[in-house]
């Protein structure tokens, strides 16, 4: 008995895709570096800058711990997205301020035709 075999079709080979680009390591600025920049920009003494920055950060931590949103121009809006337990770690979201973007109201008004 003669058996006839048909050639098997090769499975489709996956298309070659580029490997995802390696993520750039993030740069972390620490408090002494930030203080140096503020001292340079303001011309104030380091001790007064440090006390002001420390007080500001303490107030931010207190308000965020209560679940308050912070509107901090020119930085943007900072809000608590998640907190698993009271006094536990916070997950924050920053919506950067974009001074070039128009509000929806202004955008609609600029698109409307003028009535004569």
PDB file of N, CA and C in Angstrom:
ATOM      1  N   UNK A   1       0.833  -1.148   0.000  1.00  0.00           N
ATOM      2  CA  UNK A   1       0.000   0.000   0.000  1.00  0.00           C
ATOM      3  C   UNK A   1       0.891   1.227   0.000  1.00  0.00           C
ATOM      4  N   UNK A   2       0.550   2.133  -0.849  1.00  0.00           N
ATOM      5  CA  UNK A   2       1.337   3.347  -1.004  1.00  0.00           C
ATOM      6  C   UNK A   2       0.592   4.473  -0.304  1.00  0.00           C
ATOM      7  N   UNK A   3       1.314   5.147   0.553  1.00  0.00           N
ATOM      8  CA  UNK A   3       0.691   6.302   1.219  1.00  0.00           C
ATOM      9  C   UNK A   3       1.270   7.566   0.636  1.00  0.00           C
ATOM     10  N   UNK A   4       0.403   8.456   0.438  1.00  0.00           N
ATOM     11  CA  UNK A   4       0.803   9.724  -0.141  1.00  0.00           C
ATOM     12  C   UNK A   4       0.829  10.759   0.978  1.00  0.00           C
ATOM     13  N   UNK A   5       1.925  11.413   1.085  1.00  0.00           N
ATOM     14  CA  UNK A   5       2.027  12.444   2.121  1.00  0.00           C
ATOM     15  C   UNK A   5       2.034  13.814   1.479  1.00  0.00           C
ATOM     16  N   UNK A   6       1.380  14.697   2.125  1.00  0.00           N
ATOM     17  CA  UNK A   6       1.389  16.079   1.638  1.00  0.00           C
ATOM     18  C   UNK A   6       2.312  16.879   2.533  1.00  0.00           C
ATOM     19  N   UNK A   7       3.046  17.784   1.929  1.00  0.00           N
ATOM     20  CA  UNK A   7       3.954  18.583   2.757  1.00  0.00           C
ATOM     21  C   UNK A   7       3.164  19.438   3.735  1.00  0.00           C
ATOM     22  N   UNK A   8       3.673  19.522   4.940  1.00  0.00           N
ATOM     23  CA  UNK A   8       3.013  20.343   5.964  1.00  0.00           C
ATOM     24  C   UNK A   8       3.350  21.809   5.734  1.00  0.00           C
ATOM     25  N   UNK A   9       2.367  22.615   6.018  1.00  0.00           N
ATOM     26  CA  UNK A   9       2.595  24.054   5.920  1.00  0.00           C
ATOM     27  C   UNK A   9       3.357  24.498   7.159  1.00  0.00           C
ATOM     28  N   UNK A  10       4.295  25.347   6.919  1.00  0.00           N
ATOM     29  CA  UNK A  10       5.052  25.887   8.047  1.00  0.00           C
ATOM     30  C   UNK A  10       4.176  26.864   8.811  1.00  0.00           C
ATOM     31  N   UNK A  11       4.329  26.839  10.097  1.00  0.00           N
ATOM     32  CA  UNK A  11       3.613  27.802  10.921  1.00  0.00           C
ATOM     33  C   UNK A  11       4.131  29.189  10.592  1.00  0.00           C
ATOM     34  N   UNK A  12       3.213  30.115  10.595  1.00  0.00           N
ATOM     35  CA  UNK A  12       3.609  31.498  10.297  1.00  0.00           C
ATOM     36  C   UNK A  12       4.638  31.944  11.309  1.00  0.00           C
ATOM     37  N   UNK A  13       5.747  32.445  10.796  1.00  0.00           N
ATOM     38  CA  UNK A  13       6.793  32.939  11.684  1.00  0.00           C
ATOM     39  C   UNK A  13       6.411  34.334  12.153  1.00  0.00           C
ATOM     40  N   UNK A  14       6.614  34.598  13.418  1.00  0.00           N
ATOM     41  CA  UNK A  14       6.284  35.945  13.902  1.00  0.00           C
ATOM     42  C   UNK A  14       7.170  36.981  13.227  1.00  0.00           C
ATOM     43  N   UNK A  15       6.541  38.118  12.947  1.00  0.00           N
ATOM     44  CA  UNK A  15       7.301  39.182  12.307  1.00  0.00           C
ATOM     45  C   UNK A  15       8.328  39.721  13.288  1.00  0.00           C
ATOM     46  N   UNK A  16       9.462  40.058  12.733  1.00  0.00           N
ATOM     47  CA  UNK A  16      10.516  40.615  13.576  1.00  0.00           C
ATOM     48  C   UNK A  16      10.088  42.003  14.019  1.00  0.00           C
ATOM     49  N   UNK A  17      10.124  42.228  15.293  1.00  0.00           N
ATOM     50  CA  UNK A  17       9.805  43.557  15.815  1.00  0.00           C
ATOM     51  C   UNK A  17      11.017  44.063  16.559  1.00  0.00           C
ATOM     52  N   UNK A  18      11.103  45.361  16.592  1.00  0.00           N
ATOM     53  CA  UNK A  18      12.227  45.960  17.291  1.00  0.00           C
ATOM     54  C   UNK A  18      12.018  45.798  18.790  1.00  0.00           C
ATOM     55  N   UNK A  19      13.079  45.535  19.467  1.00  0.00           N
ATOM     56  CA  UNK A  19      13.002  45.440  20.918  1.00  0.00           C
ATOM     57  C   UNK A  19      12.672  46.819  21.470  1.00  0.00           C
ATOM     58  N   UNK A  20      11.846  46.874  22.517  1.00  0.00           N
ATOM     59  CA  UNK A  20      11.531  48.189  23.071  1.00  0.00           C
ATOM     60  C   UNK A  20      12.800  48.878  23.556  1.00  0.00           C
ATOM     61  N   UNK A  21      12.813  50.161  23.357  1.00  0.00           N
ATOM     62  CA  UNK A  21      13.986  50.943  23.759  1.00  0.00           C
ATOM     63  C   UNK A  21      14.174  50.836  25.265  1.00  0.00           C
ATOM     64  N   UNK A  22      15.400  50.753  25.672  1.00  0.00           N
ATOM     65  CA  UNK A  22      15.695  50.678  27.094  1.00  0.00           C
ATOM     66  C   UNK A  22      15.271  51.981  27.757  1.00  0.00           C
ATOM     67  N   UNK A  23      14.603  51.852  28.879  1.00  0.00           N
ATOM     68  CA  UNK A  23      14.121  53.035  29.589  1.00  0.00           C
ATOM     69  C   UNK A  23      15.309  53.763  30.212  1.00  0.00           C
ATOM     70  N   UNK A  24      15.311  55.063  30.003  1.00  0.00           N
ATOM     71  CA  UNK A  24      16.368  55.891  30.577  1.00  0.00           C
ATOM     72  C   UNK A  24      16.247  55.846  32.093  1.00  0.00           C
ATOM     73  N   UNK A  25      17.352  55.731  32.792  1.00  0.00           N
ATOM     74  CA  UNK A  25      17.259  55.754  34.246  1.00  0.00           C
ATOM     75  C   UNK A  25      16.786  57.132  34.713  1.00  0.00           C
ATOM     76  N   UNK A  26      15.908  57.126  35.701  1.00  0.00           N
ATOM     77  CA  UNK A  26      15.406  58.406  36.183  1.00  0.00           C
ATOM     78  C   UNK A  26      16.466  59.073  37.065  1.00  0.00           C
ATOM     79  N   UNK A  27      16.413  60.363  37.053  1.00  0.00           N
ATOM     80  CA  UNK A  27      17.348  61.138  37.858  1.00  0.00           C
ATOM     81  C   UNK A  27      16.594  61.608  39.095  1.00  0.00           C
ATOM     82  N   UNK A  28      17.163  61.408  40.241  1.00  0.00           N
ATOM     83  CA  UNK A  28      16.532  61.814  41.484  1.00  0.00           C
ATOM     84  C   UNK A  28      17.283  63.007  42.059  1.00  0.00           C
ATOM     85  N   UNK A  29      16.554  64.091  42.241  1.00  0.00           N
ATOM     86  CA  UNK A  29      17.135  65.267  42.885  1.00  0.00           C
ATOM     87  C   UNK A  29      16.896  65.144  44.379  1.00  0.00           C
ATOM     88  N   UNK A  30      17.918  65.404  45.141  1.00  0.00           N
ATOM     89  CA  UNK A  30      17.800  65.320  46.594  1.00  0.00           C
ATOM     90  C   UNK A  30      17.737  66.719  47.179  1.00  0.00           C
ATOM     91  N   UNK A  31      17.313  66.784  48.420  1.00  0.00           N
ATOM     92  CA  UNK A  31      17.080  68.066  49.085  1.00  0.00           C
ATOM     93  C   UNK A  31      18.276  69.015  49.017  1.00  0.00           C
ATOM     94  N   UNK A  32      19.505  68.575  49.305  1.00  0.00           N
ATOM     95  CA  UNK A  32      20.620  69.532  49.230  1.00  0.00           C
ATOM     96  C   UNK A  32      20.794  70.133  47.837  1.00  0.00           C
ATOM     97  N   UNK A  33      20.560  69.332  46.791  1.00  0.00           N
ATOM     98  CA  UNK A  33      20.670  69.854  45.426  1.00  0.00           C
ATOM     99  C   UNK A  33      19.591  70.897  45.156  1.00  0.00           C
ATOM    100  N   UNK A  34      18.369  70.601  45.604  1.00  0.00           N
ATOM    101  CA  UNK A  34      17.277  71.545  45.399  1.00  0.00           C
ATOM    102  C   UNK A  34      17.510  72.840  46.176  1.00  0.00           C
ATOM    103  N   UNK A  35      18.007  72.704  47.383  1.00  0.00           N
ATOM    104  CA  UNK A  35      18.296  73.905  48.175  1.00  0.00           C
ATOM    105  C   UNK A  35      19.355  74.769  47.492  1.00  0.00           C
ATOM    106  N   UNK A  36      20.377  74.145  46.935  1.00  0.00           N
ATOM    107  CA  UNK A  36      21.414  74.902  46.225  1.00  0.00           C
ATOM    108  C   UNK A  36      20.822  75.708  45.075  1.00  0.00           C
ATOM    109  N   UNK A  37      19.895  75.099  44.336  1.00  0.00           N
ATOM    110  CA  UNK A  37      19.275  75.787  43.201  1.00  0.00           C
ATOM    111  C   UNK A  37      18.429  76.956  43.689  1.00  0.00           C
ATOM    112  N   UNK A  38      17.662  76.746  44.754  1.00  0.00           N
ATOM    113  CA  UNK A  38      16.813  77.828  45.279  1.00  0.00           C
ATOM    114  C   UNK A  38      17.673  78.964  45.822  1.00  0.00           C
ATOM    115  N   UNK A  39      18.753  78.620  46.509  1.00  0.00           N
ATOM    116  CA  UNK A  39      19.666  79.653  47.017  1.00  0.00           C
ATOM    117  C   UNK A  39      20.227  80.471  45.853  1.00  0.00           C
ATOM    118  N   UNK A  40      20.621  79.792  44.800  1.00  0.00           N
ATOM    119  CA  UNK A  40      21.182  80.473  43.635  1.00  0.00           C
ATOM    120  C   UNK A  40      20.149  81.375  42.963  1.00  0.00           C
ATOM    121  N   UNK A  41      18.921  80.893  42.831  1.00  0.00           N
ATOM    122  CA  UNK A  41      17.891  81.667  42.139  1.00  0.00           C
ATOM    123  C   UNK A  41      17.378  82.841  42.958  1.00  0.00           C
ATOM    124  N   UNK A  42      17.365  82.690  44.287  1.00  0.00           N
ATOM    125  CA  UNK A  42      16.796  83.756  45.119  1.00  0.00           C
ATOM    126  C   UNK A  42      17.833  84.689  45.712  1.00  0.00           C
ATOM    127  N   UNK A  43      19.060  84.223  45.843  1.00  0.00           N
ATOM    128  CA  UNK A  43      20.087  85.043  46.463  1.00  0.00           C
ATOM    129  C   UNK A  43      19.956  85.106  47.977  1.00  0.00           C
ATOM    130  N   UNK A  44      19.090  84.292  48.554  1.00  0.00           N
ATOM    131  CA  UNK A  44      18.884  84.267  50.002  1.00  0.00           C
ATOM    132  C   UNK A  44      19.906  83.357  50.665  1.00  0.00           C
ATOM    133  N   UNK A  45      20.029  83.491  51.993  1.00  0.00           N
ATOM    134  CA  UNK A  45      20.923  82.623  52.754  1.00  0.00           C
ATOM    135  C   UNK A  45      20.358  81.201  52.773  1.00  0.00           C
ATOM    136  N   UNK A  46      21.278  80.254  52.779  1.00  0.00           N
ATOM    137  CA  UNK A  46      20.875  78.844  52.751  1.00  0.00           C
ATOM    138  C   UNK A  46      20.003  78.487  53.961  1.00  0.00           C
ATOM    139  N   UNK A  47      20.308  79.027  55.125  1.00  0.00           N
ATOM    140  CA  UNK A  47      19.535  78.690  56.333  1.00  0.00           C
ATOM    141  C   UNK A  47      18.082  79.148  56.218  1.00  0.00           C
ATOM    142  N   UNK A  48      17.865  80.342  55.664  1.00  0.00           N
ATOM    143  CA  UNK A  48      16.484  80.827  55.519  1.00  0.00           C
ATOM    144  C   UNK A  48      15.749  80.069  54.420  1.00  0.00           C
ATOM    145  N   UNK A  49      16.467  79.720  53.351  1.00  0.00           N
ATOM    146  CA  UNK A  49      15.858  78.936  52.276  1.00  0.00           C
ATOM    147  C   UNK A  49      15.468  77.554  52.802  1.00  0.00           C
ATOM    148  N   UNK A  50      16.352  76.942  53.581  1.00  0.00           N
ATOM    149  CA  UNK A  50      16.080  75.611  54.118  1.00  0.00           C
ATOM    150  C   UNK A  50      14.854  75.623  55.013  1.00  0.00           C
ATOM    151  N   UNK A  51      14.735  76.612  55.888  1.00  0.00           N
ATOM    152  CA  UNK A  51      13.580  76.660  56.784  1.00  0.00           C
ATOM    153  C   UNK A  51      12.285  76.896  56.012  1.00  0.00           C
ATOM    154  N   UNK A  52      12.328  77.740  54.984  1.00  0.00           N
ATOM    155  CA  UNK A  52      11.135  77.997  54.176  1.00  0.00           C
ATOM    156  C   UNK A  52      10.724  76.749  53.388  1.00  0.00           C
ATOM    157  N   UNK A  53      11.679  76.083  52.777  1.00  0.00           N
ATOM    158  CA  UNK A  53      11.382  74.882  51.992  1.00  0.00           C
ATOM    159  C   UNK A  53      10.881  73.771  52.911  1.00  0.00           C
ATOM    160  N   UNK A  54      11.513  73.594  54.070  1.00  0.00           N
ATOM    161  CA  UNK A  54      11.060  72.580  55.026  1.00  0.00           C
ATOM    162  C   UNK A  54       9.622  72.837  55.466  1.00  0.00           C
ATOM    163  N   UNK A  55       9.298  74.101  55.765  1.00  0.00           N
ATOM    164  CA  UNK A  55       7.939  74.449  56.185  1.00  0.00           C
ATOM    165  C   UNK A  55       6.939  74.185  55.061  1.00  0.00           C
ATOM    166  N   UNK A  56       7.308  74.556  53.842  1.00  0.00           N
ATOM    167  CA  UNK A  56       6.431  74.337  52.696  1.00  0.00           C
ATOM    168  C   UNK A  56       6.161  72.848  52.484  1.00  0.00           C
ATOM    169  N   UNK A  57       7.209  72.036  52.537  1.00  0.00           N
ATOM    170  CA  UNK A  57       7.042  70.600  52.340  1.00  0.00           C
ATOM    171  C   UNK A  57       6.224  69.965  53.466  1.00  0.00           C
ATOM    172  N   UNK A  58       6.380  70.463  54.688  1.00  0.00           N
ATOM    173  CA  UNK A  58       5.600  69.946  55.812  1.00  0.00           C
ATOM    174  C   UNK A  58       4.107  70.244  55.616  1.00  0.00           C
ATOM    175  N   UNK A  59       3.799  71.456  55.164  1.00  0.00           N
ATOM    176  CA  UNK A  59       2.402  71.817  54.903  1.00  0.00           C
ATOM    177  C   UNK A  59       1.850  70.970  53.756  1.00  0.00           C
ATOM    178  N   UNK A  60       2.638  70.768  52.711  1.00  0.00           N
ATOM    179  CA  UNK A  60       2.191  69.915  51.600  1.00  0.00           C
ATOM    180  C   UNK A  60       1.869  68.507  52.095  1.00  0.00           C
ATOM    181  N   UNK A  61       2.774  67.930  52.878  1.00  0.00           N
ATOM    182  CA  UNK A  61       2.574  66.568  53.389  1.00  0.00           C
ATOM    183  C   UNK A  61       1.320  66.496  54.251  1.00  0.00           C
ATOM    184  N   UNK A  62       1.107  67.511  55.078  1.00  0.00           N
ATOM    185  CA  UNK A  62      -0.078  67.544  55.944  1.00  0.00           C
ATOM    186  C   UNK A  62      -1.365  67.590  55.119  1.00  0.00           C
ATOM    187  N   UNK A  63      -1.406  68.491  54.142  1.00  0.00           N
ATOM    188  CA  UNK A  63      -2.611  68.651  53.319  1.00  0.00           C
ATOM    189  C   UNK A  63      -2.873  67.416  52.456  1.00  0.00           C
ATOM    190  N   UNK A  64      -1.822  66.873  51.844  1.00  0.00           N
ATOM    191  CA  UNK A  64      -1.998  65.670  51.034  1.00  0.00           C
ATOM    192  C   UNK A  64      -2.423  64.498  51.905  1.00  0.00           C
ATOM    193  N   UNK A  65      -1.905  64.422  53.120  1.00  0.00           N
ATOM    194  CA  UNK A  65      -2.296  63.365  54.052  1.00  0.00           C
ATOM    195  C   UNK A  65      -3.776  63.421  54.405  1.00  0.00           C
ATOM    196  N   UNK A  66      -4.362  64.614  54.356  1.00  0.00           N
ATOM    197  CA  UNK A  66      -5.799  64.786  54.605  1.00  0.00           C
ATOM    198  C   UNK A  66      -6.623  64.515  53.344  1.00  0.00           C
ATOM    199  N   UNK A  67      -5.936  64.263  52.223  1.00  0.00           N
ATOM    200  CA  UNK A  67      -6.647  63.999  50.972  1.00  0.00           C
ATOM    201  C   UNK A  67      -6.965  65.231  50.161  1.00  0.00           C
ATOM    202  N   UNK A  68      -6.403  66.370  50.530  1.00  0.00           N
ATOM    203  CA  UNK A  68      -6.654  67.617  49.792  1.00  0.00           C
ATOM    204  C   UNK A  68      -5.853  67.648  48.497  1.00  0.00           C
ATOM    205  N   UNK A  69      -6.438  68.257  47.468  1.00  0.00           N
ATOM    206  CA  UNK A  69      -5.712  68.528  46.227  1.00  0.00           C
ATOM    207  C   UNK A  69      -4.937  69.824  46.420  1.00  0.00           C
ATOM    208  N   UNK A  70      -3.795  69.926  45.750  1.00  0.00           N
ATOM    209  CA  UNK A  70      -2.994  71.143  45.825  1.00  0.00           C
ATOM    210  C   UNK A  70      -2.854  71.731  44.424  1.00  0.00           C
ATOM    211  N   UNK A  71      -3.215  72.999  44.271  1.00  0.00           N
ATOM    212  CA  UNK A  71      -3.010  73.710  43.019  1.00  0.00           C
ATOM    213  C   UNK A  71      -1.777  74.568  43.227  1.00  0.00           C
ATOM    214  N   UNK A  72      -0.690  74.203  42.536  1.00  0.00           N
ATOM    215  CA  UNK A  72       0.602  74.850  42.749  1.00  0.00           C
ATOM    216  C   UNK A  72       1.158  75.427  41.455  1.00  0.00           C
ATOM    217  N   UNK A  73       0.660  76.599  41.021  1.00  0.00           N
ATOM    218  CA  UNK A  73       1.234  77.183  39.828  1.00  0.00           C
ATOM    219  C   UNK A  73       2.676  77.589  40.099  1.00  0.00           C
ATOM    220  N   UNK A  74       3.578  77.443  39.237  1.00  0.00           N
ATOM    221  CA  UNK A  74       3.491  76.961  37.864  1.00  0.00           C
ATOM    222  C   UNK A  74       3.664  75.451  37.733  1.00  0.00           C
ATOM    223  N   UNK A  75       3.714  74.724  38.853  1.00  0.00           N
ATOM    224  CA  UNK A  75       3.895  73.273  38.789  1.00  0.00           C
ATOM    225  C   UNK A  75       2.676  72.578  38.217  1.00  0.00           C
ATOM    226  N   UNK A  76       1.521  72.815  38.791  1.00  0.00           N
ATOM    227  CA  UNK A  76       0.292  72.187  38.326  1.00  0.00           C
ATOM    228  C   UNK A  76      -0.554  71.738  39.498  1.00  0.00           C
ATOM    229  N   UNK A  77      -1.466  70.793  39.228  1.00  0.00           N
ATOM    230  CA  UNK A  77      -2.364  70.290  40.251  1.00  0.00           C
ATOM    231  C   UNK A  77      -1.855  68.941  40.738  1.00  0.00           C
ATOM    232  N   UNK A  78      -1.720  68.817  42.046  1.00  0.00           N
ATOM    233  CA  UNK A  78      -1.245  67.592  42.673  1.00  0.00           C
ATOM    234  C   UNK A  78      -2.389  67.039  43.497  1.00  0.00           C
ATOM    235  N   UNK A  79      -2.738  65.762  43.248  1.00  0.00           N
ATOM    236  CA  UNK A  79      -3.845  65.185  44.007  1.00  0.00           C
ATOM    237  C   UNK A  79      -3.528  63.766  44.432  1.00  0.00           C
ATOM    238  N   UNK A  80      -4.178  63.351  45.514  1.00  0.00           N
ATOM    239  CA  UNK A  80      -4.029  61.996  46.018  1.00  0.00           C
ATOM    240  C   UNK A  80      -4.940  61.097  45.196  1.00  0.00           C
ATOM    241  N   UNK A  81      -4.358  60.059  44.598  1.00  0.00           N
ATOM    242  CA  UNK A  81      -5.133  59.121  43.803  1.00  0.00           C
ATOM    243  C   UNK A  81      -5.547  57.932  44.665  1.00  0.00           C
ATOM    244  N   UNK A  82      -4.655  57.509  45.542  1.00  0.00           N
ATOM    245  CA  UNK A  82      -4.934  56.322  46.331  1.00  0.00           C
ATOM    246  C   UNK A  82      -4.162  56.377  47.645  1.00  0.00           C
ATOM    247  N   UNK A  83      -4.822  55.906  48.702  1.00  0.00           N
ATOM    248  CA  UNK A  83      -4.180  55.719  49.985  1.00  0.00           C
ATOM    249  C   UNK A  83      -4.830  54.489  50.607  1.00  0.00           C
ATOM    250  N   UNK A  84      -4.053  53.418  50.768  1.00  0.00           N
ATOM    251  CA  UNK A  84      -4.620  52.153  51.237  1.00  0.00           C
ATOM    252  C   UNK A  84      -5.122  52.234  52.666  1.00  0.00           C
ATOM    253  N   UNK A  85      -4.397  52.896  53.525  1.00  0.00           N
ATOM    254  CA  UNK A  85      -4.807  53.006  54.920  1.00  0.00           C
ATOM    255  C   UNK A  85      -4.444  54.387  55.426  1.00  0.00           C
ATOM    256  N   UNK A  86      -5.159  54.817  56.440  1.00  0.00           N
ATOM    257  CA  UNK A  86      -4.887  56.147  56.987  1.00  0.00           C
ATOM    258  C   UNK A  86      -3.469  56.203  57.536  1.00  0.00           C
ATOM    259  N   UNK A  87      -2.727  57.213  57.130  1.00  0.00           N
ATOM    260  CA  UNK A  87      -1.338  57.348  57.550  1.00  0.00           C
ATOM    261  C   UNK A  87      -0.379  56.505  56.722  1.00  0.00           C
ATOM    262  N   UNK A  88      -0.914  55.741  55.773  1.00  0.00           N
ATOM    263  CA  UNK A  88      -0.079  54.897  54.918  1.00  0.00           C
ATOM    264  C   UNK A  88       0.451  55.670  53.728  1.00  0.00           C
ATOM    265  N   UNK A  89       1.178  54.971  52.867  1.00  0.00           N
ATOM    266  CA  UNK A  89       1.752  55.644  51.694  1.00  0.00           C
ATOM    267  C   UNK A  89       0.666  56.159  50.750  1.00  0.00           C
ATOM    268  N   UNK A  90       0.985  57.257  50.087  1.00  0.00           N
ATOM    269  CA  UNK A  90       0.064  57.898  49.140  1.00  0.00           C
ATOM    270  C   UNK A  90       0.519  57.648  47.717  1.00  0.00           C
ATOM    271  N   UNK A  91      -0.437  57.521  46.823  1.00  0.00           N
ATOM    272  CA  UNK A  91      -0.147  57.547  45.397  1.00  0.00           C
ATOM    273  C   UNK A  91      -0.654  58.893  44.899  1.00  0.00           C
ATOM    274  N   UNK A  92       0.245  59.664  44.303  1.00  0.00           N
ATOM    275  CA  UNK A  92      -0.095  61.018  43.866  1.00  0.00           C
ATOM    276  C   UNK A  92      -0.103  61.101  42.350  1.00  0.00           C
ATOM    277  N   UNK A  93      -0.897  62.031  41.826  1.00  0.00           N
ATOM    278  CA  UNK A  93      -0.903  62.310  40.396  1.00  0.00           C
ATOM    279  C   UNK A  93      -0.690  63.803  40.223  1.00  0.00           C
ATOM    280  N   UNK A  94       0.220  64.131  39.323  1.00  0.00           N
ATOM    281  CA  UNK A  94       0.493  65.536  39.015  1.00  0.00           C
ATOM    282  C   UNK A  94      -0.012  65.826  37.619  1.00  0.00           C
ATOM    283  N   UNK A  95      -0.888  66.803  37.515  1.00  0.00           N
ATOM    284  CA  UNK A  95      -1.311  67.296  36.210  1.00  0.00           C
ATOM    285  C   UNK A  95      -0.559  68.591  35.985  1.00  0.00           C
ATOM    286  N   UNK A  96       0.497  68.534  35.146  1.00  0.00           N
ATOM    287  CA  UNK A  96       1.335  69.727  34.958  1.00  0.00           C
ATOM    288  C   UNK A  96       0.540  70.899  34.402  1.00  0.00           C
ATOM    289  N   UNK A  97       0.912  72.071  34.845  1.00  0.00           N
ATOM    290  CA  UNK A  97       0.297  73.308  34.358  1.00  0.00           C
ATOM    291  C   UNK A  97       0.789  73.575  32.947  1.00  0.00           C
ATOM    292  N   UNK A  98      -0.124  73.868  32.046  1.00  0.00           N
ATOM    293  CA  UNK A  98       0.241  74.177  30.677  1.00  0.00           C
ATOM    294  C   UNK A  98      -0.306  75.563  30.343  1.00  0.00           C
ATOM    295  N   UNK A  99       0.525  76.593  30.442  1.00  0.00           N
ATOM    296  CA  UNK A  99       0.033  77.954  30.234  1.00  0.00           C
ATOM    297  C   UNK A  99      -0.394  78.232  28.796  1.00  0.00           C
ATOM    298  N   UNK A 100       0.050  77.412  27.849  1.00  0.00           N
ATOM    299  CA  UNK A 100      -0.305  77.647  26.451  1.00  0.00           C
ATOM    300  C   UNK A 100      -1.672  77.074  26.090  1.00  0.00           C
ATOM    301  N   UNK A 101      -2.167  76.125  26.884  1.00  0.00           N
ATOM    302  CA  UNK A 101      -3.447  75.493  26.583  1.00  0.00           C
ATOM    303  C   UNK A 101      -4.580  76.432  26.979  1.00  0.00           C
ATOM    304  N   UNK A 102      -5.590  76.497  26.121  1.00  0.00           N
ATOM    305  CA  UNK A 102      -6.757  77.310  26.420  1.00  0.00           C
ATOM    306  C   UNK A 102      -7.795  76.424  27.094  1.00  0.00           C
ATOM    307  N   UNK A 103      -8.620  77.033  27.916  1.00  0.00           N
ATOM    308  CA  UNK A 103      -9.706  76.273  28.521  1.00  0.00           C
ATOM    309  C   UNK A 103     -10.719  75.941  27.441  1.00  0.00           C
ATOM    310  N   UNK A 104     -11.579  74.944  27.681  1.00  0.00           N
ATOM    311  CA  UNK A 104     -12.590  74.550  26.699  1.00  0.00           C
ATOM    312  C   UNK A 104     -13.509  75.719  26.367  1.00  0.00           C
ATOM    313  N   UNK A 105     -13.845  76.518  27.363  1.00  0.00           N
ATOM    314  CA  UNK A 105     -14.734  77.657  27.140  1.00  0.00           C
ATOM    315  C   UNK A 105     -14.094  78.636  26.169  1.00  0.00           C
ATOM    316  N   UNK A 106     -12.832  78.977  26.384  1.00  0.00           N
ATOM    317  CA  UNK A 106     -12.144  79.911  25.496  1.00  0.00           C
ATOM    318  C   UNK A 106     -11.984  79.321  24.110  1.00  0.00           C
ATOM    319  N   UNK A 107     -11.738  78.023  24.014  1.00  0.00           N
ATOM    320  CA  UNK A 107     -11.565  77.387  22.716  1.00  0.00           C
ATOM    321  C   UNK A 107     -12.884  77.437  21.936  1.00  0.00           C
ATOM    322  N   UNK A 108     -14.025  77.199  22.616  1.00  0.00           N
ATOM    323  CA  UNK A 108     -15.312  77.233  21.933  1.00  0.00           C
ATOM    324  C   UNK A 108     -15.626  78.651  21.464  1.00  0.00           C
ATOM    325  N   UNK A 109     -15.325  79.628  22.308  1.00  0.00           N
ATOM    326  CA  UNK A 109     -15.595  81.010  21.930  1.00  0.00           C
ATOM    327  C   UNK A 109     -14.750  81.434  20.738  1.00  0.00           C
ATOM    328  N   UNK A 110     -13.533  80.976  20.655  1.00  0.00           N
ATOM    329  CA  UNK A 110     -12.688  81.387  19.553  1.00  0.00           C
ATOM    330  C   UNK A 110     -13.096  80.728  18.246  1.00  0.00           C
ATOM    331  N   UNK A 111     -13.817  79.593  18.317  1.00  0.00           N
ATOM    332  CA  UNK A 111     -14.253  78.904  17.114  1.00  0.00           C
ATOM    333  C   UNK A 111     -15.607  79.394  16.630  1.00  0.00           C
ATOM    334  N   UNK A 112     -16.353  80.053  17.477  1.00  0.00           N
ATOM    335  CA  UNK A 112     -17.677  80.510  17.108  1.00  0.00           C
ATOM    336  C   UNK A 112     -17.577  81.674  16.112  1.00  0.00           C
ATOM    337  N   UNK A 113     -18.544  81.697  15.180  1.00  0.00           N
ATOM    338  CA  UNK A 113     -18.584  82.790  14.220  1.00  0.00           C
ATOM    339  C   UNK A 113     -19.275  83.987  14.834  1.00  0.00           C
ATOM    340  N   UNK A 114     -18.817  85.152  14.490  1.00  0.00           N
ATOM    341  CA  UNK A 114     -19.406  86.377  15.018  1.00  0.00           C
ATOM    342  C   UNK A 114     -20.726  86.654  14.331  1.00  0.00           C
ATOM    343  N   UNK A 115     -21.763  86.996  15.129  1.00  0.00           N
ATOM    344  CA  UNK A 115     -23.066  87.362  14.562  1.00  0.00           C
ATOM    345  C   UNK A 115     -23.069  88.836  14.232  1.00  0.00           C
ATOM    346  N   UNK A 116     -23.594  89.174  13.066  1.00  0.00           N
ATOM    347  CA  UNK A 116     -23.660  90.595  12.664  1.00  0.00           C
ATOM    348  C   UNK A 116     -24.974  91.195  13.032  1.00  0.00           C
TER     349      UNK A 116
END
